[in-house]
C-alpha atoms as a PDB file:
ATOM      1  CA  MET A   1       2.232  22.240  25.352  1.00  0.00           C
ATOM      2  CA  ASP A   2      -0.471  23.011  22.600  1.00  0.00           C
ATOM      3  CA  THR A   3      -3.697  20.657  23.180  1.00  0.00           C
ATOM      4  CA  MET A   4      -5.018  18.159  20.096  1.00  0.00           C
ATOM      5  CA  GLU A   5      -8.489  20.492  19.905  1.00  0.00           C
ATOM      6  CA  SER A   6      -6.009  23.786  18.954  1.00  0.00           C
ATOM      7  CA  LEU A   7      -3.603  21.968  17.239  1.00  0.00           C
ATOM      8  CA  VAL A   8      -6.505  20.663  14.939  1.00  0.00           C
ATOM      9  CA  LEU A   9      -8.699  24.390  15.049  1.00  0.00           C
ATOM     10  CA  ALA A  10      -5.324  25.627  13.712  1.00  0.00           C
ATOM     11  CA  LEU A  11      -5.957  23.467  10.512  1.00  0.00           C
ATOM     12  CA  GLN A  12      -8.737  25.749   9.908  1.00  0.00           C
ATOM     13  CA  ASP A  13      -6.707  28.318   9.069  1.00  0.00           C
ATOM     14  CA  PRO A  14      -4.239  28.503   5.912  1.00  0.00           C
ATOM     15  CA  GLU A  15      -1.445  30.530   8.355  1.00  0.00           C
ATOM     16  CA  THR A  16      -1.459  28.882  10.657  1.00  0.00           C
ATOM     17  CA  ARG A  17      -1.816  25.183   8.882  1.00  0.00           C
ATOM     18  CA  GLU A  18       1.345  23.666   7.943  1.00  0.00           C
ATOM     19  CA  ASN A  19       2.228  24.043  11.450  1.00  0.00           C
ATOM     20  CA  ALA A  20      -0.543  22.218  12.979  1.00  0.00           C
ATOM     21  CA  LEU A  21       0.011  19.677   9.551  1.00  0.00           C
ATOM     22  CA  LEU A  22       3.711  18.593  11.380  1.00  0.00           C
ATOM     23  CA  ASP A  23       2.395  19.120  14.878  1.00  0.00           C
ATOM     24  CA  LEU A  24      -0.307  16.794  14.907  1.00  0.00           C
ATOM     25  CA  SER A  25       1.458  14.745  12.448  1.00  0.00           C
ATOM     26  CA  LYS A  26       4.181  13.870  14.533  1.00  0.00           C
ATOM     27  CA  LYS A  27       1.644  13.726  17.950  1.00  0.00           C
ATOM     28  CA  ARG A  28      -0.745  11.541  16.344  1.00  0.00           C
ATOM     29  CA  ASP A  29       0.051   8.348  18.436  1.00  0.00           C
ATOM     30  CA  MET A  30       0.003  10.665  21.576  1.00  0.00           C
ATOM     31  CA  PHE A  31      -4.205  11.549  20.994  1.00  0.00           C
ATOM     32  CA  VAL A  32      -6.613   8.658  20.564  1.00  0.00           C
ATOM     33  CA  ASP A  33      -9.316  10.263  19.734  1.00  0.00           C
ATOM     34  CA  LEU A  34      -8.161  12.289  17.240  1.00  0.00           C
ATOM     35  CA  ALA A  35      -9.163  10.306  13.556  1.00  0.00           C
ATOM     36  CA  PRO A  36     -12.881  11.596  15.298  1.00  0.00           C
ATOM     37  CA  VAL A  37     -12.298  15.182  15.956  1.00  0.00           C
ATOM     38  CA  LEU A  38     -10.632  15.153  12.537  1.00  0.00           C
ATOM     39  CA  TRP A  39     -12.986  14.091  10.798  1.00  0.00           C
ATOM     40  CA  HIS A  40     -15.624  15.088  12.586  1.00  0.00           C
ATOM     41  CA  SER A  41     -14.725  19.242  13.215  1.00  0.00           C
ATOM     42  CA  PHE A  42     -16.075  21.536  10.384  1.00  0.00           C
ATOM     43  CA  GLY A  43     -14.093  21.732   7.657  1.00  0.00           C
ATOM     44  CA  ILE A  44     -11.126  20.177   8.383  1.00  0.00           C
ATOM     45  CA  VAL A  45     -11.265  16.996   6.111  1.00  0.00           C
ATOM     46  CA  PRO A  46     -11.840  19.411   3.439  1.00  0.00           C
ATOM     47  CA  ALA A  47      -8.950  21.479   4.711  1.00  0.00           C
ATOM     48  CA  LEU A  48      -6.785  18.098   3.998  1.00  0.00           C
ATOM     49  CA  LEU A  49      -7.931  17.592   0.798  1.00  0.00           C
ATOM     50  CA  GLN A  50      -6.749  20.926  -0.244  1.00  0.00           C
ATOM     51  CA  GLU A  51      -3.883  19.994   0.269  1.00  0.00           C
ATOM     52  CA  ILE A  52      -3.498  17.005  -1.661  1.00  0.00           C
ATOM     53  CA  THR A  53      -5.541  18.409  -4.366  1.00  0.00           C
ATOM     54  CA  SER A  54      -3.365  21.943  -4.582  1.00  0.00           C
ATOM     55  CA  ILE A  55      -0.448  19.211  -5.749  1.00  0.00           C
ATOM     56  CA  TYR A  56      -1.959  17.393  -9.024  1.00  0.00           C
ATOM     57  CA  PRO A  57      -0.405  20.283 -10.710  1.00  0.00           C
ATOM     58  CA  LEU A  58       2.886  19.851  -9.458  1.00  0.00           C
ATOM     59  CA  LEU A  59       3.041  15.390 -10.883  1.00  0.00           C
ATOM     60  CA  SER A  60       3.672  15.932 -14.181  1.00  0.00           C
ATOM     61  CA  PRO A  61       5.447  17.830 -15.505  1.00  0.00           C
ATOM     62  CA  PRO A  62       7.538  16.347 -12.612  1.00  0.00           C
ATOM     63  CA  SER A  63       8.114  19.063  -9.914  1.00  0.00           C
ATOM     64  CA  LEU A  64       7.327  18.562  -6.463  1.00  0.00           C
ATOM     65  CA  THR A  65       9.454  20.119  -4.043  1.00  0.00           C
ATOM     66  CA  ASN A  66      11.201  18.652  -0.743  1.00  0.00           C
ATOM     67  CA  HIS A  67       9.048  20.831   0.891  1.00  0.00           C
ATOM     68  CA  ALA A  68       5.392  19.941  -0.610  1.00  0.00           C
ATOM     69  CA  SER A  69       5.910  16.693  -0.501  1.00  0.00           C
ATOM     70  CA  ASN A  70       6.759  16.701   3.432  1.00  0.00           C
ATOM     71  CA  ARG A  71       3.595  19.648   4.127  1.00  0.00           C
ATOM     72  CA  VAL A  72       1.520  16.710   1.742  1.00  0.00           C
ATOM     73  CA  CYS A  73       2.722  13.517   3.182  1.00  0.00           C
ATOM     74  CA  ASN A  74       1.912  15.578   7.268  1.00  0.00           C
ATOM     75  CA  ALA A  75      -1.637  15.837   5.255  1.00  0.00           C
ATOM     76  CA  LEU A  76      -1.821  12.270   4.709  1.00  0.00           C
ATOM     77  CA  ALA A  77      -0.481  10.919   7.713  1.00  0.00           C
ATOM     78  CA  LEU A  78      -3.731  12.998   9.414  1.00  0.00           C
ATOM     79  CA  LEU A  79      -5.797  10.412   6.964  1.00  0.00           C
ATOM     80  CA  GLN A  80      -3.811   7.311   7.970  1.00  0.00           C
ATOM     81  CA  CYS A  81      -5.012   7.781  11.582  1.00  0.00           C
ATOM     82  CA  VAL A  82      -8.660   8.456   9.822  1.00  0.00           C
ATOM     83  CA  ALA A  83      -8.198   5.588   8.385  1.00  0.00           C
ATOM     84  CA  SER A  84      -6.752   3.211  10.660  1.00  0.00           C
ATOM     85  CA  HIS A  85      -9.357   4.365  13.549  1.00  0.00           C
ATOM     86  CA  PRO A  86     -12.619   1.588  14.066  1.00  0.00           C
ATOM     87  CA  GLU A  87     -15.094   4.483  14.013  1.00  0.00           C
ATOM     88  CA  THR A  88     -13.751   6.324  10.962  1.00  0.00           C
ATOM     89  CA  ARG A  89     -13.141   4.141   8.779  1.00  0.00           C
ATOM     90  CA  ALA A  90     -16.469   3.087   6.951  1.00  0.00           C
ATOM     91  CA  LEU A  91     -16.712   6.919   7.274  1.00  0.00           C
ATOM     92  CA  PHE A  92     -13.898   7.555   4.708  1.00  0.00           C
ATOM     93  CA  LEU A  93     -14.274   5.142   2.354  1.00  0.00           C
ATOM     94  CA  ASN A  94     -17.748   5.901   2.009  1.00  0.00           C
ATOM     95  CA  ALA A  95     -16.370   9.502   1.348  1.00  0.00           C
ATOM     96  CA  HIS A  96     -13.990   8.023  -1.890  1.00  0.00           C
ATOM     97  CA  ILE A  97     -11.072   9.774   0.128  1.00  0.00           C
ATOM     98  CA  PRO A  98      -8.788   7.326  -1.358  1.00  0.00           C
ATOM     99  CA  LEU A  99      -9.833   8.102  -4.831  1.00  0.00           C
ATOM    100  CA  PHE A 100      -7.612  11.586  -4.302  1.00  0.00           C
ATOM    101  CA  LEU A 101      -4.850   9.485  -2.752  1.00  0.00           C
ATOM    102  CA  TYR A 102      -4.380   7.516  -6.769  1.00  0.00           C
ATOM    103  CA  PRO A 103      -2.571  10.544  -8.514  1.00  0.00           C
ATOM    104  CA  PHE A 104      -0.057   9.496  -6.659  1.00  0.00           C
ATOM    105  CA  LEU A 105       0.528   6.156  -7.141  1.00  0.00           C
ATOM    106  CA  ASN A 106       0.243   7.204 -10.758  1.00  0.00           C
ATOM    107  CA  THR A 107       3.504   8.915 -10.481  1.00  0.00           C
ATOM    108  CA  VAL A 108       7.140   7.212 -12.320  1.00  0.00           C
ATOM    109  CA  SER A 109       9.557  10.201 -11.207  1.00  0.00           C
ATOM    110  CA  LYS A 110      12.243   7.921  -8.630  1.00  0.00           C
ATOM    111  CA  THR A 111      13.804  11.312  -6.862  1.00  0.00           C
ATOM    112  CA  ARG A 112      12.950  11.364  -3.071  1.00  0.00           C
ATOM    113  CA  PRO A 113       9.606  14.224  -2.897  1.00  0.00           C
ATOM    114  CA  PHE A 114       7.678  11.806  -5.738  1.00  0.00           C
ATOM    115  CA  GLU A 115       8.846   8.184  -3.873  1.00  0.00           C
ATOM    116  CA  TYR A 116       8.150  10.151  -0.419  1.00  0.00           C
ATOM    117  CA  LEU A 117       4.713  10.599  -1.525  1.00  0.00           C
ATOM    118  CA  ARG A 118       3.931   7.415  -3.036  1.00  0.00           C
ATOM    119  CA  LEU A 119       5.068   5.539   0.286  1.00  0.00           C
ATOM    120  CA  THR A 120       2.436   7.508   2.606  1.00  0.00           C
ATOM    121  CA  SER A 121       0.476   7.417  -0.007  1.00  0.00           C
ATOM    122  CA  LEU A 122       0.308   3.730   0.092  1.00  0.00           C
ATOM    123  CA  GLY A 123       0.772   3.930   4.024  1.00  0.00           C
ATOM    124  CA  VAL A 124      -2.898   5.081   4.205  1.00  0.00           C
ATOM    125  CA  ILE A 125      -4.041   1.581   1.451  1.00  0.00           C
ATOM    126  CA  GLY A 126      -2.050  -0.328   3.477  1.00  0.00           C
ATOM    127  CA  ALA A 127      -4.162   0.706   6.878  1.00  0.00           C
ATOM    128  CA  LEU A 128      -7.246   0.066   5.779  1.00  0.00           C
ATOM    129  CA  VAL A 129      -7.233  -3.225   4.440  1.00  0.00           C
ATOM    130  CA  LYS A 130      -4.591  -3.904   8.090  1.00  0.00           C
ATOM    131  CA  VAL A 131      -8.262  -5.211   9.086  1.00  0.00           C
ATOM    132  CA  ASP A 132     -10.405  -8.120   7.300  1.00  0.00           C
ATOM    133  CA  ASP A 133     -12.988  -6.665   6.091  1.00  0.00           C
ATOM    134  CA  THR A 134     -15.011  -7.610   2.757  1.00  0.00           C
ATOM    135  CA  ASP A 135     -15.919  -4.712   2.385  1.00  0.00           C
ATOM    136  CA  VAL A 136     -12.828  -2.334   2.413  1.00  0.00           C
ATOM    137  CA  ILE A 137     -11.495  -4.992  -0.471  1.00  0.00           C
ATOM    138  CA  ASN A 138     -14.708  -4.779  -2.616  1.00  0.00           C
ATOM    139  CA  PHE A 139     -14.542  -0.776  -2.599  1.00  0.00           C
ATOM    140  CA  LEU A 140     -10.636  -1.312  -3.758  1.00  0.00           C
ATOM    141  CA  LEU A 141     -11.794  -3.899  -6.282  1.00  0.00           C
ATOM    142  CA  SER A 142     -14.648  -1.304  -7.449  1.00  0.00           C
ATOM    143  CA  THR A 143     -10.822   0.811  -8.108  1.00  0.00           C
ATOM    144  CA  GLU A 144      -7.720   0.357  -9.531  1.00  0.00           C
ATOM    145  CA  ILE A 145      -5.938  -0.017  -6.874  1.00  0.00           C
ATOM    146  CA  ILE A 146      -4.477  -3.245  -8.024  1.00  0.00           C
ATOM    147  CA  PRO A 147      -2.332  -2.261 -11.503  1.00  0.00           C
ATOM    148  CA  LEU A 148      -1.953   0.766  -9.217  1.00  0.00           C
ATOM    149  CA  CYS A 149       0.040  -1.585  -6.537  1.00  0.00           C
ATOM    150  CA  LEU A 150       1.589  -3.606  -9.832  1.00  0.00           C
ATOM    151  CA  ARG A 151       3.273  -0.432 -11.383  1.00  0.00           C
ATOM    152  CA  THR A 152       4.640   0.432  -7.662  1.00  0.00           C
ATOM    153  CA  MET A 153       6.124  -3.620  -6.815  1.00  0.00           C
ATOM    154  CA  GLU A 154       7.369  -2.336 -10.447  1.00  0.00           C
ATOM    155  CA  LEU A 155       8.986   0.190  -9.934  1.00  0.00           C
ATOM    156  CA  GLY A 156       8.806   1.375  -6.569  1.00  0.00           C
ATOM    157  CA  SER A 157      11.744   1.591  -4.000  1.00  0.00           C
ATOM    158  CA  GLU A 158      12.107  -1.771  -1.652  1.00  0.00           C
ATOM    159  CA  LEU A 159      10.423  -0.210   0.706  1.00  0.00           C
ATOM    160  CA  SER A 160       7.110   1.116  -1.283  1.00  0.00           C
ATOM    161  CA  LYS A 161       7.454  -1.795  -3.049  1.00  0.00           C
ATOM    162  CA  THR A 162       6.964  -4.331   0.362  1.00  0.00           C
ATOM    163  CA  VAL A 163       3.933  -1.800   1.108  1.00  0.00           C
ATOM    164  CA  ALA A 164       1.948  -1.923  -2.717  1.00  0.00           C
ATOM    165  CA  THR A 165       2.944  -6.138  -2.036  1.00  0.00           C
ATOM    166  CA  PHE A 166       1.473  -6.267   1.054  1.00  0.00           C
ATOM    167  CA  ILE A 167      -1.960  -4.685  -0.158  1.00  0.00           C
ATOM    168  CA  VAL A 168      -2.176  -7.081  -2.676  1.00  0.00           C
ATOM    169  CA  GLN A 169      -1.421 -10.300  -0.393  1.00  0.00           C
ATOM    170  CA  LYS A 170      -4.124  -8.774   1.911  1.00  0.00           C
ATOM    171  CA  ILE A 171      -6.324  -8.865  -0.772  1.00  0.00           C
ATOM    172  CA  LEU A 172      -5.343 -11.767  -2.380  1.00  0.00           C
ATOM    173  CA  SER A 173      -6.673 -12.762   1.429  1.00  0.00           C
ATOM    174  CA  ASP A 174     -10.203 -12.110   1.221  1.00  0.00           C
ATOM    175  CA  GLU A 175     -11.656 -14.328  -1.044  1.00  0.00           C
ATOM    176  CA  VAL A 176     -13.153 -12.152  -2.892  1.00  0.00           C
ATOM    177  CA  GLY A 177     -10.618 -10.524  -4.322  1.00  0.00           C
ATOM    178  CA  LEU A 178      -8.443 -13.751  -5.563  1.00  0.00           C
ATOM    179  CA  ALA A 179     -11.517 -14.584  -7.015  1.00  0.00           C
ATOM    180  CA  TYR A 180     -11.481 -11.271  -8.223  1.00  0.00           C
ATOM    181  CA  ILE A 181      -7.707 -11.723  -9.805  1.00  0.00           C
ATOM    182  CA  CYS A 182      -8.165 -14.779 -10.717  1.00  0.00           C
ATOM    183  CA  ALA A 183     -11.028 -14.646 -12.512  1.00  0.00           C
ATOM    184  CA  THR A 184      -9.565 -13.893 -15.387  1.00  0.00           C
ATOM    185  CA  ALA A 185      -6.413 -15.317 -17.379  1.00  0.00           C
ATOM    186  CA  GLU A 186      -5.291 -11.356 -17.898  1.00  0.00           C
ATOM    187  CA  ARG A 187      -5.456 -10.146 -14.293  1.00  0.00           C
ATOM    188  CA  CYS A 188      -3.494 -13.799 -13.353  1.00  0.00           C
ATOM    189  CA  TYR A 189      -0.370 -13.074 -15.670  1.00  0.00           C
ATOM    190  CA  ALA A 190      -0.483  -9.506 -14.359  1.00  0.00           C
ATOM    191  CA  VAL A 191       0.594 -10.405 -11.192  1.00  0.00           C
ATOM    192  CA  GLY A 192       2.230 -13.325 -11.358  1.00  0.00           C
ATOM    193  CA  THR A 193       4.380 -11.325 -14.267  1.00  0.00           C
ATOM    194  CA  VAL A 194       5.100  -8.417 -11.772  1.00  0.00           C
ATOM    195  CA  LEU A 195       5.747 -10.965  -8.614  1.00  0.00           C
ATOM    196  CA  GLY A 196       8.652 -12.742 -10.639  1.00  0.00           C
ATOM    197  CA  GLY A 197      10.103 -10.097 -12.220  1.00  0.00           C
ATOM    198  CA  MET A 198      10.633  -8.907  -8.561  1.00  0.00           C
ATOM    199  CA  VAL A 199      11.953 -12.303  -7.276  1.00  0.00           C
ATOM    200  CA  THR A 200      14.499 -11.603 -10.970  1.00  0.00           C
ATOM    201  CA  ALA A 201      15.311  -8.379  -9.153  1.00  0.00           C
ATOM    202  CA  LEU A 202      16.039  -9.624  -5.328  1.00  0.00           C
ATOM    203  CA  ALA A 203      18.681 -12.057  -7.035  1.00  0.00           C
ATOM    204  CA  GLU A 204      20.609  -8.497  -7.541  1.00  0.00           C
ATOM    205  CA  GLN A 205      19.548  -6.475  -3.861  1.00  0.00           C
ATOM    206  CA  PRO A 206      17.938  -8.848  -1.518  1.00  0.00           C
ATOM    207  CA  SER A 207      15.209  -8.148   0.605  1.00  0.00           C
ATOM    208  CA  VAL A 208      13.881 -10.655   3.421  1.00  0.00           C
ATOM    209  CA  ARG A 209      11.187  -8.651   4.177  1.00  0.00           C
ATOM    210  CA  LEU A 210       9.845  -7.675   0.320  1.00  0.00           C
ATOM    211  CA  LEU A 211      10.572 -12.090  -0.170  1.00  0.00           C
ATOM    212  CA  LYS A 212       8.640 -13.235   2.645  1.00  0.00           C
ATOM    213  CA  HIS A 213       4.981 -11.046   1.452  1.00  0.00           C
ATOM    214  CA  ILE A 214       5.864 -12.013  -2.430  1.00  0.00           C
ATOM    215  CA  ILE A 215       5.757 -15.939  -1.067  1.00  0.00           C
ATOM    216  CA  ARG A 216       2.412 -15.057   0.368  1.00  0.00           C
ATOM    217  CA  CYS A 217       0.861 -13.544  -2.586  1.00  0.00           C
ATOM    218  CA  TYR A 218       2.237 -16.452  -4.765  1.00  0.00           C
ATOM    219  CA  LEU A 219       1.029 -18.766  -2.065  1.00  0.00           C
ATOM    220  CA  ARG A 220      -2.193 -17.580  -1.995  1.00  0.00           C
ATOM    221  CA  LEU A 221      -2.690 -17.751  -5.741  1.00  0.00           C
ATOM    222  CA  SER A 222      -1.598 -21.474  -5.769  1.00  0.00           C
ATOM    223  CA  ASP A 223      -4.592 -21.985  -3.589  1.00  0.00           C
ATOM    224  CA  ASN A 224      -7.036 -21.466  -7.059  1.00  0.00           C
ATOM    225  CA  PRO A 225      -6.819 -24.318  -9.727  1.00  0.00           C
ATOM    226  CA  ARG A 226      -6.245 -21.451 -12.531  1.00  0.00           C
ATOM    227  CA  ALA A 227      -3.833 -19.216 -10.712  1.00  0.00           C
ATOM    228  CA  ARG A 228      -2.076 -23.213 -10.378  1.00  0.00           C
ATOM    229  CA  GLU A 229      -1.729 -22.951 -14.045  1.00  0.00           C
ATOM    230  CA  CYS A 230      -0.915 -19.672 -14.783  1.00  0.00           C
ATOM    231  CA  LEU A 231       2.370 -19.941 -12.381  1.00  0.00           C
ATOM    232  CA  ARG A 232       3.414 -22.493 -13.631  1.00  0.00           C
ATOM    233  CA  ARG A 233       4.676 -20.623 -16.377  1.00  0.00           C
ATOM    234  CA  CYS A 234       5.867 -17.720 -15.714  1.00  0.00           C
ATOM    235  CA  PHE A 235       7.236 -19.076 -12.146  1.00  0.00           C
ATOM    236  CA  PRO A 236      10.652 -17.595 -11.054  1.00  0.00           C
ATOM    237  CA  ASP A 237      13.638 -19.982 -11.287  1.00  0.00           C
ATOM    238  CA  GLN A 238      15.281 -18.414  -8.372  1.00  0.00           C
ATOM    239  CA  LEU A 239      11.717 -19.958  -5.634  1.00  0.00           C
ATOM    240  CA  ARG A 240      13.552 -23.084  -6.597  1.00  0.00           C
ATOM    241  CA  ASP A 241      16.683 -22.332  -6.201  1.00  0.00           C
ATOM    242  CA  PRO A 242      18.703 -22.693  -2.781  1.00  0.00           C
ATOM    243  CA  ASN A 243      21.570 -20.034  -3.238  1.00  0.00           C
ATOM    244  CA  PHE A 244      18.398 -17.593  -3.793  1.00  0.00           C
ATOM    245  CA  THR A 245      16.366 -19.147  -0.885  1.00  0.00           C
ATOM    246  CA  ALA A 246      19.705 -19.248   1.208  1.00  0.00           C
ATOM    247  CA  VAL A 247      18.767 -15.899   2.238  1.00  0.00           C
ATOM    248  CA  LEU A 248      15.050 -17.290   4.786  1.00  0.00           C
ATOM    249  CA  LYS A 249      17.673 -19.219   6.349  1.00  0.00           C
ATOM    250  CA  ASP A 250      16.795 -17.072   9.829  1.00  0.00           C
ATOM    251  CA  ASP A 251      13.150 -17.088   8.654  1.00  0.00           C
ATOM    252  CA  ILE A 252      10.985 -20.208   9.716  1.00  0.00           C
ATOM    253  CA  ALA A 253       7.376 -19.153   8.837  1.00  0.00           C
ATOM    254  CA  THR A 254       8.326 -18.444   5.470  1.00  0.00           C
ATOM    255  CA  GLN A 255      10.358 -21.049   4.410  1.00  0.00           C
ATOM    256  CA  LYS A 256       7.734 -23.238   5.281  1.00  0.00           C
ATOM    257  CA  TRP A 257       5.103 -21.076   3.157  1.00  0.00           C
ATOM    258  CA  LEU A 258       7.675 -21.302   0.484  1.00  0.00           C
ATOM    259  CA  GLN A 259       7.740 -25.100   0.520  1.00  0.00           C
ATOM    260  CA  GLN A 260       3.487 -25.460   0.912  1.00  0.00           C
ATOM    261  CA  LEU A 261       3.522 -23.544  -2.694  1.00  0.00           C
ATOM    262  CA  LEU A 262       6.093 -25.955  -4.306  1.00  0.00           C
ATOM    263  CA  MET A 263       4.001 -28.413  -3.535  1.00  0.00           C
ATOM    264  CA  GLN A 264       0.670 -27.139  -4.450  1.00  0.00           C
ATOM    265  CA  LEU A 265       2.273 -25.806  -7.751  1.00  0.00           C
ATOM    266  CA  GLY A 266       3.744 -29.653  -7.922  1.00  0.00           C
ATOM    267  CA  TYR A 267       7.229 -29.100  -7.943  1.00  0.00           C
ATOM    268  CA  THR A 268       8.030 -31.185  -4.067  1.00  0.00           C
ATOM    269  CA  GLN A 269       6.478 -33.760  -3.243  1.00  0.00           C
END
């Protein structure tokens, strides 16, 4: 069996990199110290970034193949490992590595290679926000992550929409994030309009998992007086329709959040 060190070493050589990417991405949960080893080993992070930037020309016009998408997603899986490790998370942020992923989130093609690329890229950002850390939120807000997430929430598959909505939810859960999104009426409306559109779409294709994150976003926004006013103007009727919300019958926690939301918006006593 290949050792972690030998596989990481194989990433340095372009001839052996593809197989090493595949093996390491499959076995990354077996190697506890993989993130620090990847970060501190000579030439490894540049090699992973080279994998990412090498497919930029395939983004527009869209010509990404399944093979190229799978290969770069293996590199992204290793970067997600670095993003989620407490020893390397701050280093990852300080090097502005997430910015290399933003061109992938800016794509609109709905083919499988692009959808997989967006989903895996969102997974890296999701790994960053899973831990409540205001430094992470400040970094993400200083970049264009909100509009990129909103775009995926409008255009992505159910799974991509769910991860993008989770990222927005985690940003909102931080006081800095809530203040940022509620700082202007335009930002409130942008988020509120996209959330409303997603609820409308769920009437056709229900997803309890996605609806849960949408309600959490609405509930957090309703903590802010400006956002409350905004939400009342663009709040989807479906969330007040018992036939629609019946999908939550087995999710007691989300039912409570929805009741609390309706109360805070003044729809129920």
